[in-house]
Amino acid sequence: MTERNARRCLFVTDDKHLDELMLEGSIACHVRRAIQAGIPAPTAIAMASLNAAECFRLANRGAIAPGYIAFSDCRINCRSDCR
């Protein structure tokens, strides 16, 4: 992933087991891992929200802007570890 193609990247979690979801969370874990790997936090959060909403054609979703419904997960903590 580069700065030029980040808008085409998103996270999915269709292969996690229930115990992993309870322990690590879903998309939030991927956001934490991306940030820990050096991806800027705003880019990682956009990959989890706006990019995904646009990919699945969810109108007015995924952005923090007037007229949009933002996806949010208050458990995103850049210092938390996930497996």
C-alpha atoms as a PDB file:
ATOM      1  CA  MET A   1       0.000   0.000   0.000  1.00  0.00           C
ATOM      2  CA  THR A   2       1.231   3.472  -0.876  1.00  0.00           C
ATOM      3  CA  GLU A   3      -0.119   6.952  -0.314  1.00  0.00           C
ATOM      4  CA  ARG A   4      -1.242   6.970  -3.961  1.00  0.00           C
ATOM      5  CA  ASN A   5      -3.326   3.785  -3.744  1.00  0.00           C
ATOM      6  CA  ALA A   6      -4.492   3.922  -0.099  1.00  0.00           C
ATOM      7  CA  ARG A   7      -7.963   5.071  -1.210  1.00  0.00           C
ATOM      8  CA  ARG A   8      -8.398   1.689  -2.925  1.00  0.00           C
ATOM      9  CA  CYS A   9      -7.523  -0.350   0.173  1.00  0.00           C
ATOM     10  CA  LEU A  10      -9.896  -1.541   2.889  1.00  0.00           C
ATOM     11  CA  PHE A  11     -10.088  -4.073   5.685  1.00  0.00           C
ATOM     12  CA  VAL A  12     -12.332  -7.134   5.920  1.00  0.00           C
ATOM     13  CA  THR A  13     -12.764  -9.751   8.649  1.00  0.00           C
ATOM     14  CA  ASP A  14     -14.700 -12.702   7.355  1.00  0.00           C
ATOM     15  CA  ASP A  15     -12.413 -15.393   8.728  1.00  0.00           C
ATOM     16  CA  LYS A  16     -12.130 -14.579  12.439  1.00  0.00           C
ATOM     17  CA  HIS A  17     -13.298 -16.981  15.094  1.00  0.00           C
ATOM     18  CA  LEU A  18     -15.674 -15.797  17.819  1.00  0.00           C
ATOM     19  CA  ASP A  19     -13.000 -15.981  20.528  1.00  0.00           C
ATOM     20  CA  GLU A  20     -10.696 -13.766  18.432  1.00  0.00           C
ATOM     21  CA  LEU A  21     -13.494 -11.271  17.853  1.00  0.00           C
ATOM     22  CA  MET A  22     -14.199 -11.100  21.581  1.00  0.00           C
ATOM     23  CA  LEU A  23     -10.510 -10.689  22.445  1.00  0.00           C
ATOM     24  CA  GLU A  24      -9.251  -8.440  19.620  1.00  0.00           C
ATOM     25  CA  GLY A  25     -12.314  -6.884  18.055  1.00  0.00           C
ATOM     26  CA  SER A  26     -13.063  -6.920  14.375  1.00  0.00           C
ATOM     27  CA  ILE A  27     -11.883  -4.137  12.079  1.00  0.00           C
ATOM     28  CA  ALA A  28     -10.425  -2.216  15.041  1.00  0.00           C
ATOM     29  CA  CYS A  29      -7.675  -4.816  15.345  1.00  0.00           C
ATOM     30  CA  HIS A  30      -6.698  -4.307  11.711  1.00  0.00           C
ATOM     31  CA  VAL A  31      -6.613  -0.543  12.230  1.00  0.00           C
ATOM     32  CA  ARG A  32      -4.309  -0.949  15.240  1.00  0.00           C
ATOM     33  CA  ARG A  33      -2.014  -3.285  13.290  1.00  0.00           C
ATOM     34  CA  ALA A  34      -1.853  -0.881  10.356  1.00  0.00           C
ATOM     35  CA  ILE A  35      -0.954   2.032  12.633  1.00  0.00           C
ATOM     36  CA  GLN A  36       1.683  -0.078  14.384  1.00  0.00           C
ATOM     37  CA  ALA A  37       3.107  -0.943  10.942  1.00  0.00           C
ATOM     38  CA  GLY A  38       3.540   2.751  10.164  1.00  0.00           C
ATOM     39  CA  ILE A  39       0.383   3.630   8.251  1.00  0.00           C
ATOM     40  CA  PRO A  40      -0.818   7.079   9.381  1.00  0.00           C
ATOM     41  CA  ALA A  41      -3.839   6.825  11.701  1.00  0.00           C
ATOM     42  CA  PRO A  42      -6.165   8.900   9.450  1.00  0.00           C
ATOM     43  CA  THR A  43      -5.318   6.632   6.491  1.00  0.00           C
ATOM     44  CA  ALA A  44      -5.898   3.451   8.501  1.00  0.00           C
ATOM     45  CA  ILE A  45      -9.218   4.754   9.812  1.00  0.00           C
ATOM     46  CA  ALA A  46     -10.313   5.752   6.289  1.00  0.00           C
ATOM     47  CA  MET A  47      -9.438   2.241   5.094  1.00  0.00           C
ATOM     48  CA  ALA A  48     -11.728   0.870   7.810  1.00  0.00           C
ATOM     49  CA  SER A  49     -14.608   3.251   7.195  1.00  0.00           C
ATOM     50  CA  LEU A  50     -14.858   5.525   4.160  1.00  0.00           C
ATOM     51  CA  ASN A  51     -13.033   3.244   1.720  1.00  0.00           C
ATOM     52  CA  ALA A  52     -15.124   0.247   2.780  1.00  0.00           C
ATOM     53  CA  ALA A  53     -18.380   2.209   2.549  1.00  0.00           C
ATOM     54  CA  GLU A  54     -17.527   3.420  -0.946  1.00  0.00           C
ATOM     55  CA  CYS A  55     -16.466  -0.063  -2.067  1.00  0.00           C
ATOM     56  CA  PHE A  56     -19.804  -1.537  -0.977  1.00  0.00           C
ATOM     57  CA  ARG A  57     -21.713   1.493  -2.287  1.00  0.00           C
ATOM     58  CA  LEU A  58     -23.103   2.489   1.099  1.00  0.00           C
ATOM     59  CA  ALA A  59     -24.225   6.031   0.355  1.00  0.00           C
ATOM     60  CA  ASN A  60     -23.678   8.647   3.063  1.00  0.00           C
ATOM     61  CA  ARG A  61     -21.672   6.268   5.257  1.00  0.00           C
ATOM     62  CA  GLY A  62     -18.128   6.052   6.521  1.00  0.00           C
ATOM     63  CA  ALA A  63     -17.049   9.691   6.695  1.00  0.00           C
ATOM     64  CA  ILE A  64     -16.877  12.212   9.486  1.00  0.00           C
ATOM     65  CA  ALA A  65     -18.633  14.980   7.587  1.00  0.00           C
ATOM     66  CA  PRO A  66     -22.027  16.690   7.436  1.00  0.00           C
ATOM     67  CA  GLY A  67     -24.642  14.349   5.997  1.00  0.00           C
ATOM     68  CA  TYR A  68     -22.624  11.180   6.641  1.00  0.00           C
ATOM     69  CA  ILE A  69     -23.025   8.450   9.219  1.00  0.00           C
ATOM     70  CA  ALA A  70     -19.534   7.603  10.447  1.00  0.00           C
ATOM     71  CA  PHE A  71     -18.461   4.100  11.353  1.00  0.00           C
ATOM     72  CA  SER A  72     -16.721   4.266  14.690  1.00  0.00           C
ATOM     73  CA  ASP A  73     -15.208   1.907  17.188  1.00  0.00           C
ATOM     74  CA  CYS A  74     -14.189   3.577  20.431  1.00  0.00           C
ATOM     75  CA  ARG A  75     -11.966   0.607  21.244  1.00  0.00           C
ATOM     76  CA  ILE A  76      -9.322   1.599  18.702  1.00  0.00           C
ATOM     77  CA  ASN A  77      -6.248   2.217  20.810  1.00  0.00           C
ATOM     78  CA  CYS A  78      -2.969   2.571  18.966  1.00  0.00           C
ATOM     79  CA  ARG A  79      -1.034   1.084  21.889  1.00  0.00           C
ATOM     80  CA  SER A  80      -3.105  -2.105  22.185  1.00  0.00           C
ATOM     81  CA  ASP A  81      -1.705  -5.350  20.920  1.00  0.00           C
ATOM     82  CA  CYS A  82      -3.511  -7.781  18.659  1.00  0.00           C
ATOM     83  CA  ARG A  83      -2.274 -11.120  17.527  1.00  0.00           C
END
